[in-house]
């Protein structure tokens, strides 16, 4: 009789252990579903869309690293966001390599890479300088490509890459020829990368914002009066008659970074107030 009860007790404890381990597995799987408990790198995260996205990812539980070219701005943003900030100029491949080595040393591998760093410098065809071409292509396209290239070894299988592009890749807007070309190139790269990285279950998508209220326009060097006129003209072309907010873009990026978007790769997502379907509206 004693042996019978002992055997029954042993079977019961085995059952409890199996259920406990299954529950732990299910809990771990659920926790990893969204950005919570994931490591995310946001380039150009010290302002604008990058800042808002870093804030959003952190609010959902991710460990976030932001980068930027200005040591002062990166330090300020990292303190405000309570995240780690690393200074890196993505136009320099050696700087990207150093960034990756720092992230690897601190965190090992990462789950989310938001390739956000970029610049905008308007100029009409016929007045495009070599310097302007090299600067925009160097950061917007070359910088994006090599950010992905250098981070690939420490991206986990099943990771998510989101590239910040622009509807300018398609609109034919005056004075944006090189900026638009850099973003069109990035979108093309996104599609090919999605195909080639699929065996590792790494998803690659692009987000195409329309006009968004960020500091990028203020960095063009345009006089304030001209800048205001440019902004008003842009707003008039948006069917919803307003600029987007960085937080709106951040929500889309956070969705694409999550496992809720596990069947989405190689896509481009316009978030532009309708400007891409009505480019001629004034």
Foldseek 3Di string as FASTA:
>chain_A
DVVVVVVVVVVVVVVVVVVVVVVVVVVVVVCQQALAPFEEEQEPLLWFLNVLLQLVSVVSHHQYEYEEQDPVSQVVSCVVSVHHYDYADLLDLVRLLVVLVVCCVVPNAGAEYELEDFAAAFDAPVPDDPVNLSRRLSRLAVSSVSNCVNRVVRHAQLGEYEYEAALLLPLPDGRRVSNNVSRVNVLVVQLVVQVVSVVSLYAGEYEHEAAEPICRLVPNPDPPVVSVVVLCVSLQLQPVSDHHYSNVVSVVSSCRRGNVCSVDHSYYHYDYNCCSVRVPGD
